[in-house]
């Protein structure tokens, strides 16, 4: 296996790839999950309970989405 020389430029490129994907997919998945949970529970429970459940569900969805983002970035081929 070839060893990669880590430079500030390479680190910045990988960081940016992680950052924009994490923000984009985190916001999209969190918003969609929070909306669906609050829509479903909002009609049947107290608003505060629905809000807390939506926040918890959105946060929990963020874990597999974050892992997927890291996996995607690690599989990417970069131009150095």
N, C-alpha and C. Protein backbone atom coordinates (compact mmCIF):
# COMPACT_ATOMS: atom_id res chain seq x y z
N UNK A 1 0.85 -1.18 0.00
CA UNK A 1 0.00 0.00 0.00
C UNK A 1 0.89 1.24 0.00
N UNK A 2 0.56 2.19 -0.86
CA UNK A 2 1.33 3.41 -0.94
C UNK A 2 0.99 4.33 0.23
N UNK A 3 2.00 4.93 0.78
CA UNK A 3 1.79 5.86 1.88
C UNK A 3 1.58 7.26 1.30
N UNK A 4 0.60 7.95 1.81
CA UNK A 4 0.25 9.28 1.32
C UNK A 4 0.89 10.33 2.21
N UNK A 5 1.58 11.27 1.60
CA UNK A 5 2.17 12.38 2.34
C UNK A 5 1.05 13.38 2.64
N UNK A 6 0.79 13.62 3.90
CA UNK A 6 -0.30 14.51 4.30
C UNK A 6 0.22 15.95 4.33
N UNK A 7 -0.44 16.81 3.55
CA UNK A 7 -0.09 18.22 3.52
C UNK A 7 -1.31 19.04 3.96
N UNK A 8 -1.09 20.33 4.20
CA UNK A 8 -2.20 21.20 4.58
C UNK A 8 -3.21 21.29 3.45
N UNK A 9 -2.75 21.31 2.21
CA UNK A 9 -3.67 21.38 1.07
C UNK A 9 -4.55 20.14 0.97
N UNK A 10 -3.97 18.97 1.17
CA UNK A 10 -4.74 17.73 1.12
C UNK A 10 -5.73 17.66 2.28
N UNK A 11 -5.25 18.05 3.45
CA UNK A 11 -6.14 18.04 4.63
C UNK A 11 -7.31 19.00 4.43
N UNK A 12 -7.03 20.16 3.86
CA UNK A 12 -8.09 21.14 3.61
C UNK A 12 -9.09 20.61 2.59
N UNK A 13 -8.60 19.93 1.56
CA UNK A 13 -9.48 19.38 0.54
C UNK A 13 -10.42 18.32 1.14
N UNK A 14 -9.89 17.45 1.96
CA UNK A 14 -10.71 16.42 2.59
C UNK A 14 -11.68 17.05 3.60
N UNK A 15 -11.20 18.03 4.37
CA UNK A 15 -12.06 18.71 5.34
C UNK A 15 -13.23 19.39 4.64
N UNK A 16 -12.96 20.10 3.55
CA UNK A 16 -14.03 20.79 2.83
C UNK A 16 -15.04 19.80 2.28
N UNK A 17 -14.56 18.67 1.77
CA UNK A 17 -15.44 17.64 1.24
C UNK A 17 -16.36 17.10 2.34
N UNK A 18 -15.80 16.89 3.53
CA UNK A 18 -16.62 16.45 4.66
C UNK A 18 -17.59 17.54 5.11
N UNK A 19 -17.10 18.77 5.18
CA UNK A 19 -17.91 19.86 5.73
C UNK A 19 -19.15 20.14 4.89
N UNK A 20 -18.99 20.33 3.59
CA UNK A 20 -20.17 20.72 2.81
C UNK A 20 -21.16 19.57 2.70
N UNK A 21 -20.65 18.35 2.58
CA UNK A 21 -21.58 17.21 2.51
C UNK A 21 -22.29 17.02 3.85
N UNK A 22 -21.55 17.15 4.95
CA UNK A 22 -22.15 17.01 6.27
C UNK A 22 -23.24 18.02 6.53
N UNK A 23 -22.97 19.28 6.18
CA UNK A 23 -23.97 20.32 6.38
C UNK A 23 -25.17 20.10 5.47
N UNK A 24 -24.93 19.87 4.19
CA UNK A 24 -26.04 19.71 3.25
C UNK A 24 -26.93 18.53 3.62
N UNK A 25 -26.34 17.35 3.75
CA UNK A 25 -27.14 16.17 4.02
C UNK A 25 -27.66 16.14 5.45
N UNK A 26 -26.94 16.74 6.38
CA UNK A 26 -27.42 16.84 7.76
C UNK A 26 -28.65 17.72 7.85
N UNK A 27 -28.61 18.87 7.19
CA UNK A 27 -29.76 19.78 7.20
C UNK A 27 -30.96 19.14 6.51
N UNK A 28 -30.72 18.54 5.35
CA UNK A 28 -31.84 17.93 4.61
C UNK A 28 -32.48 16.78 5.39
N UNK A 29 -31.66 15.87 5.90
CA UNK A 29 -32.22 14.72 6.63
C UNK A 29 -32.84 15.15 7.95
N UNK A 30 -32.20 16.07 8.65
CA UNK A 30 -32.74 16.54 9.93
C UNK A 30 -34.06 17.28 9.76
N UNK A 31 -34.12 18.11 8.74
CA UNK A 31 -35.36 18.86 8.47
C UNK A 31 -36.50 17.92 8.08
N UNK A 32 -36.21 17.00 7.18
CA UNK A 32 -37.25 16.07 6.74
C UNK A 32 -37.74 15.20 7.89
N UNK A 33 -36.81 14.68 8.68
CA UNK A 33 -37.19 13.82 9.81
C UNK A 33 -37.96 14.61 10.86
N UNK A 34 -37.45 15.77 11.21
CA UNK A 34 -38.14 16.60 12.20
C UNK A 34 -39.54 16.99 11.75
N UNK A 35 -39.67 17.32 10.48
CA UNK A 35 -40.98 17.69 9.94
C UNK A 35 -41.96 16.51 10.02
N UNK A 36 -41.51 15.35 9.58
CA UNK A 36 -42.41 14.18 9.59
C UNK A 36 -42.82 13.79 11.00
N UNK A 37 -41.87 13.76 11.91
CA UNK A 37 -42.19 13.37 13.29
C UNK A 37 -43.12 14.40 13.93
N UNK A 38 -42.83 15.69 13.73
CA UNK A 38 -43.70 16.71 14.34
C UNK A 38 -45.08 16.72 13.68
N UNK A 39 -45.16 16.40 12.41
CA UNK A 39 -46.44 16.33 11.72
C UNK A 39 -47.28 15.18 12.28
N UNK A 40 -46.65 14.03 12.47
CA UNK A 40 -47.37 12.86 12.97
C UNK A 40 -47.75 13.04 14.44
N UNK A 41 -46.79 13.45 15.26
CA UNK A 41 -47.06 13.57 16.69
C UNK A 41 -47.78 14.86 17.06
N UNK A 42 -47.68 15.87 16.21
CA UNK A 42 -48.32 17.15 16.51
C UNK A 42 -49.83 17.05 16.62
N UNK A 43 -50.39 16.13 15.90
CA UNK A 43 -51.85 15.98 15.93
C UNK A 43 -52.33 15.13 17.10
N UNK A 44 -51.41 14.37 17.71
CA UNK A 44 -51.85 13.44 18.74
C UNK A 44 -51.30 13.74 20.13
N UNK A 45 -50.28 14.55 20.24
CA UNK A 45 -49.68 14.82 21.55
C UNK A 45 -49.55 16.33 21.79
N UNK A 46 -49.04 16.67 22.93
CA UNK A 46 -48.78 18.06 23.26
C UNK A 46 -47.69 18.61 22.33
N UNK A 47 -47.75 19.89 21.98
CA UNK A 47 -46.74 20.47 21.08
C UNK A 47 -45.31 20.34 21.61
N UNK A 48 -45.13 20.49 22.90
CA UNK A 48 -43.78 20.38 23.47
C UNK A 48 -43.24 18.95 23.33
N UNK A 49 -44.10 17.97 23.50
CA UNK A 49 -43.70 16.57 23.34
C UNK A 49 -43.35 16.28 21.89
N UNK A 50 -44.16 16.77 20.97
CA UNK A 50 -43.90 16.57 19.55
C UNK A 50 -42.58 17.24 19.15
N UNK A 51 -42.34 18.43 19.69
CA UNK A 51 -41.10 19.14 19.37
C UNK A 51 -39.88 18.39 19.90
N UNK A 52 -39.96 17.90 21.11
CA UNK A 52 -38.83 17.16 21.69
C UNK A 52 -38.58 15.87 20.93
N UNK A 53 -39.64 15.17 20.55
CA UNK A 53 -39.48 13.93 19.79
C UNK A 53 -38.90 14.21 18.40
N UNK A 54 -39.33 15.30 17.78
CA UNK A 54 -38.80 15.66 16.46
C UNK A 54 -37.32 15.99 16.53
N UNK A 55 -36.91 16.71 17.57
CA UNK A 55 -35.50 17.04 17.73
C UNK A 55 -34.67 15.79 17.98
N UNK A 56 -35.16 14.91 18.81
CA UNK A 56 -34.46 13.66 19.09
C UNK A 56 -34.35 12.80 17.82
N UNK A 57 -35.43 12.67 17.08
CA UNK A 57 -35.42 11.87 15.85
C UNK A 57 -34.47 12.47 14.82
N UNK A 58 -34.48 13.77 14.68
CA UNK A 58 -33.59 14.43 13.72
C UNK A 58 -32.13 14.22 14.11
N UNK A 59 -31.85 14.29 15.39
CA UNK A 59 -30.48 14.05 15.86
C UNK A 59 -30.04 12.62 15.64
N UNK A 60 -30.94 11.68 15.88
CA UNK A 60 -30.61 10.27 15.69
C UNK A 60 -30.41 9.92 14.22
N UNK A 61 -31.17 10.56 13.35
CA UNK A 61 -30.99 10.33 11.91
C UNK A 61 -29.64 10.88 11.46
N UNK A 62 -29.17 11.90 12.14
CA UNK A 62 -27.89 12.50 11.80
C UNK A 62 -26.70 11.55 11.96
N UNK A 63 -26.81 10.58 12.83
CA UNK A 63 -25.70 9.65 13.06
C UNK A 63 -25.43 8.79 11.82
N UNK A 64 -26.40 8.04 11.30
CA UNK A 64 -26.09 7.26 10.09
C UNK A 64 -25.79 8.14 8.88
N UNK A 65 -26.42 9.30 8.81
CA UNK A 65 -26.13 10.21 7.69
C UNK A 65 -24.69 10.68 7.78
N UNK A 66 -24.23 11.01 8.97
CA UNK A 66 -22.84 11.43 9.15
C UNK A 66 -21.85 10.33 8.81
N UNK A 67 -22.16 9.11 9.20
CA UNK A 67 -21.30 7.97 8.87
C UNK A 67 -21.27 7.77 7.36
N UNK A 68 -22.42 7.89 6.70
CA UNK A 68 -22.48 7.77 5.25
C UNK A 68 -21.64 8.85 4.57
N UNK A 69 -21.69 10.08 5.09
CA UNK A 69 -20.89 11.17 4.52
C UNK A 69 -19.40 10.84 4.63
N UNK A 70 -18.95 10.38 5.79
CA UNK A 70 -17.54 10.04 5.98
C UNK A 70 -17.15 8.91 5.03
N UNK A 71 -17.98 7.90 4.90
CA UNK A 71 -17.70 6.78 4.00
C UNK A 71 -17.59 7.27 2.56
N UNK A 72 -18.49 8.13 2.16
CA UNK A 72 -18.47 8.68 0.80
C UNK A 72 -17.19 9.47 0.55
N UNK A 73 -16.80 10.29 1.51
CA UNK A 73 -15.59 11.11 1.35
C UNK A 73 -14.34 10.23 1.31
N UNK A 74 -14.31 9.19 2.13
CA UNK A 74 -13.13 8.32 2.14
C UNK A 74 -13.00 7.50 0.86
N UNK A 75 -14.11 7.25 0.18
CA UNK A 75 -14.06 6.49 -1.06
C UNK A 75 -13.72 7.36 -2.27
N UNK A 76 -13.80 8.67 -2.10
CA UNK A 76 -13.57 9.60 -3.19
C UNK A 76 -12.09 9.63 -3.57
N UNK A 77 -11.83 9.77 -4.86
CA UNK A 77 -10.46 9.93 -5.33
C UNK A 77 -10.19 11.43 -5.50
N UNK A 78 -9.14 11.89 -4.88
CA UNK A 78 -8.79 13.30 -4.90
C UNK A 78 -7.65 13.54 -5.87
N UNK A 79 -7.64 14.75 -6.44
CA UNK A 79 -6.51 15.17 -7.28
C UNK A 79 -5.51 15.87 -6.37
N UNK A 80 -4.32 15.35 -6.32
CA UNK A 80 -3.29 15.99 -5.47
C UNK A 80 -2.22 16.58 -6.32
